[in-house]
Amino acid sequence: MAVFFIDENQLFECLQSLQLNVLVDNLMVLIKAQIMKKLVFIIFILFTYNSSYSQEIDSITSQSKQEMYDFHYSKYKKQKKTGLILLGSGLVATGAGLLIAANSNIFSDDGGFGTGAGLVLAGSVTTIVSIPYLISSGSNKRKAAAYVQIGEHQQIELILPNSKIVSVGVKLEF
């Protein structure tokens, strides 16, 4: 059996180099993770970037006035119904969440306060989501009314302010 005698300075230097190696390894792992996150993000942007602009109707004049009216009016009805359903359910969920949270103790373990807070949050989000549907339905109603007001031989030109909409989409080709 061999006995080794190591000086305190040698032991300290050995431990320092060992800790330094572990520290350097951990730092390299963190740097590689950051680089990978950025690389994955850049690749995602490169592959999903599609020079997409707002939708264009090729020829408005190829469809009759009645067809365009029916299209915009049916869109108006669907979006209004969706918006009102979202608004109503959001308000009901928010009200129910407030009642549940108000009737429970914040410090008790029954979970009533957390359930109430969750319902308030979900109801608020649902109510906010309904707003774009209602605004869009009003826009389609105005477009449908514009088709009713024009004469049979007149052409309509729908130029909306700020009509350039930039969007990012994902295009999968098989």
Protein backbone atom coordinates (compact mmCIF):
# COMPACT_ATOMS: atom_id res chain seq x y z
CA MET A 1 0.00 0.00 0.00
CA ALA A 2 1.44 3.29 -1.12
CA VAL A 3 0.94 6.51 0.74
CA PHE A 4 1.08 9.81 -1.14
CA PHE A 5 1.92 13.04 0.50
CA ILE A 6 0.57 16.11 -1.26
CA ASP A 7 1.46 19.59 -0.26
CA GLU A 8 -1.45 21.97 0.44
CA ASN A 9 -0.40 24.24 -2.43
CA GLN A 10 -0.38 21.35 -4.86
CA LEU A 11 -3.82 20.23 -3.64
CA PHE A 12 -5.17 23.79 -3.97
CA GLU A 13 -3.76 24.15 -7.52
CA CYS A 14 -5.21 20.78 -8.50
CA LEU A 15 -8.65 21.71 -7.17
CA GLN A 16 -8.48 25.10 -8.88
CA SER A 17 -7.66 23.56 -12.24
CA LEU A 18 -10.43 20.98 -11.76
CA GLN A 19 -12.98 23.69 -10.89
CA LEU A 20 -11.75 25.83 -13.75
CA ASN A 21 -12.25 22.94 -16.19
CA VAL A 22 -15.79 22.38 -14.92
CA LEU A 23 -16.48 26.10 -15.13
CA VAL A 24 -15.13 26.29 -18.68
CA ASP A 25 -17.19 23.25 -19.69
CA ASN A 26 -20.35 24.77 -18.25
CA LEU A 27 -19.62 28.08 -19.96
CA MET A 28 -19.10 26.32 -23.30
CA VAL A 29 -22.43 24.51 -22.92
CA LEU A 30 -24.18 27.82 -22.25
CA ILE A 31 -22.50 29.52 -25.21
CA LYS A 32 -23.40 26.62 -27.50
CA ALA A 33 -27.02 26.74 -26.30
CA GLN A 34 -27.23 30.49 -27.02
CA ILE A 35 -25.70 30.04 -30.47
CA MET A 36 -28.08 27.17 -31.23
CA LYS A 37 -31.10 29.22 -30.18
CA LYS A 38 -30.08 32.06 -32.47
CA LEU A 39 -29.26 29.68 -35.29
CA VAL A 40 -32.60 27.88 -35.01
CA PHE A 41 -34.40 31.23 -34.95
CA ILE A 42 -32.55 32.48 -38.05
CA ILE A 43 -33.23 29.24 -39.93
CA PHE A 44 -36.89 29.41 -38.92
CA ILE A 45 -37.18 32.98 -40.20
CA LEU A 46 -35.38 32.13 -43.46
CA PHE A 47 -37.63 29.19 -44.24
CA THR A 48 -40.89 30.78 -43.14
CA TYR A 49 -40.36 34.17 -44.70
CA ASN A 50 -42.64 34.41 -47.63
CA SER A 51 -43.04 37.69 -49.37
CA SER A 52 -46.73 37.73 -48.68
CA TYR A 53 -48.88 40.75 -48.96
CA SER A 54 -52.54 41.33 -48.37
CA GLN A 55 -54.91 39.26 -50.44
CA GLU A 56 -55.87 40.66 -53.78
CA ILE A 57 -59.04 40.05 -55.70
CA ASP A 58 -57.94 39.53 -59.29
CA SER A 59 -60.92 41.06 -60.97
CA ILE A 60 -63.72 42.63 -59.01
CA THR A 61 -65.60 43.39 -62.20
CA SER A 62 -65.79 39.70 -63.18
CA GLN A 63 -68.32 39.10 -60.42
CA SER A 64 -71.71 40.70 -60.45
CA LYS A 65 -72.83 43.28 -57.97
CA GLN A 66 -75.20 40.79 -56.36
CA GLU A 67 -72.48 38.15 -55.96
CA MET A 68 -70.15 40.61 -54.26
CA TYR A 69 -72.96 41.84 -52.01
CA ASP A 70 -73.85 38.27 -51.03
CA PHE A 71 -70.20 37.46 -50.34
CA HIS A 72 -69.61 40.45 -48.07
CA TYR A 73 -72.99 40.16 -46.37
CA SER A 74 -72.51 36.47 -45.53
CA LYS A 75 -69.04 37.29 -44.21
CA TYR A 76 -70.56 40.07 -42.10
CA LYS A 77 -73.17 37.71 -40.62
CA LYS A 78 -70.62 34.99 -39.76
CA GLN A 79 -68.14 37.39 -38.17
CA LYS A 80 -70.82 39.20 -36.20
CA LYS A 81 -72.17 35.91 -34.85
CA THR A 82 -68.66 34.74 -33.91
CA GLY A 83 -67.85 38.09 -32.28
CA LEU A 84 -71.06 38.15 -30.25
CA ILE A 85 -70.57 34.54 -29.09
CA LEU A 86 -67.01 35.32 -28.00
CA LEU A 87 -68.10 38.53 -26.29
CA GLY A 88 -70.96 36.87 -24.42
CA SER A 89 -68.96 33.85 -23.30
CA GLY A 90 -66.08 36.09 -22.24
CA LEU A 91 -68.32 38.30 -20.14
CA VAL A 92 -70.02 35.28 -18.54
CA ALA A 93 -66.68 33.63 -17.74
CA THR A 94 -65.31 36.87 -16.29
CA GLY A 95 -68.40 37.35 -14.12
CA ALA A 96 -68.33 33.74 -12.91
CA GLY A 97 -64.64 34.03 -12.11
CA LEU A 98 -65.21 37.20 -10.13
CA LEU A 99 -67.98 35.54 -8.12
CA ILE A 100 -65.89 32.45 -7.42
CA ALA A 101 -62.85 34.51 -6.42
CA ALA A 102 -64.92 36.83 -4.23
CA ASN A 103 -66.52 33.93 -2.33
CA SER A 104 -63.28 32.08 -1.61
CA ASN A 105 -60.46 32.68 0.80
CA ILE A 106 -57.13 33.51 -0.81
CA PHE A 107 -55.24 31.55 1.84
CA SER A 108 -57.38 28.40 1.87
CA ASP A 109 -56.36 25.19 0.15
CA ASP A 110 -59.66 24.63 -1.66
CA GLY A 111 -58.36 26.26 -4.86
CA GLY A 112 -61.40 28.49 -5.31
CA PHE A 113 -59.45 31.69 -5.62
CA GLY A 114 -57.10 30.25 -8.25
CA THR A 115 -60.04 28.89 -10.24
CA GLY A 116 -61.76 32.26 -10.08
CA ALA A 117 -58.64 34.10 -11.16
CA GLY A 118 -58.17 31.67 -14.05
CA LEU A 119 -61.75 32.19 -15.19
CA VAL A 120 -61.36 35.97 -15.00
CA LEU A 121 -58.20 35.76 -17.11
CA ALA A 122 -59.75 33.42 -19.70
CA GLY A 123 -62.93 35.51 -19.86
CA SER A 124 -60.97 38.73 -20.31
CA VAL A 125 -58.89 37.25 -23.12
CA THR A 126 -62.03 35.91 -24.84
CA THR A 127 -63.72 39.30 -24.56
CA ILE A 128 -60.69 41.05 -26.04
CA VAL A 129 -60.49 38.50 -28.87
CA SER A 130 -64.09 39.28 -29.84
CA ILE A 131 -63.25 42.91 -30.67
CA PRO A 132 -61.44 42.26 -34.01
CA TYR A 133 -64.31 40.03 -35.16
CA LEU A 134 -66.86 42.74 -34.47
CA ILE A 135 -64.75 45.41 -36.18
CA SER A 136 -64.19 43.21 -39.23
CA SER A 137 -67.91 42.41 -39.46
CA GLY A 138 -68.69 46.14 -39.53
CA SER A 139 -66.17 46.59 -42.35
CA ASN A 140 -67.81 43.83 -44.39
CA LYS A 141 -71.23 45.34 -43.75
CA ARG A 142 -70.02 48.67 -45.16
CA LYS A 143 -68.57 46.92 -48.21
CA ALA A 144 -71.87 45.10 -48.81
CA ALA A 145 -73.76 48.39 -48.48
CA ALA A 146 -71.41 49.97 -51.02
CA TYR A 147 -72.36 47.29 -53.56
CA VAL A 148 -76.06 47.98 -53.02
CA GLN A 149 -75.62 51.72 -53.57
CA ILE A 150 -73.84 51.53 -56.92
CA GLY A 151 -75.80 51.35 -60.15
CA GLU A 152 -75.88 48.46 -62.57
CA HIS A 153 -73.43 50.04 -65.04
CA GLN A 154 -71.17 51.73 -62.52
CA GLN A 155 -67.97 50.19 -61.30
CA ILE A 156 -66.94 50.20 -57.68
CA GLU A 157 -63.44 50.90 -56.52
CA LEU A 158 -62.83 49.86 -52.96
CA ILE A 159 -59.74 51.68 -51.79
CA LEU A 160 -59.32 51.34 -48.09
CA PRO A 161 -56.94 53.58 -46.17
CA ASN A 162 -53.84 51.80 -44.93
CA SER A 163 -54.68 48.77 -47.03
CA LYS A 164 -51.11 47.46 -47.18
CA ILE A 165 -50.84 44.66 -44.69
CA VAL A 166 -47.58 42.81 -44.24
CA SER A 167 -47.82 39.32 -42.89
CA VAL A 168 -45.56 36.36 -42.26
CA GLY A 169 -46.76 32.89 -43.09
CA VAL A 170 -45.64 29.32 -43.35
CA LYS A 171 -45.84 27.62 -46.73
CA LEU A 172 -45.51 23.84 -46.84
CA GLU A 173 -45.02 22.24 -50.23
CA PHE A 174 -45.20 18.50 -50.66
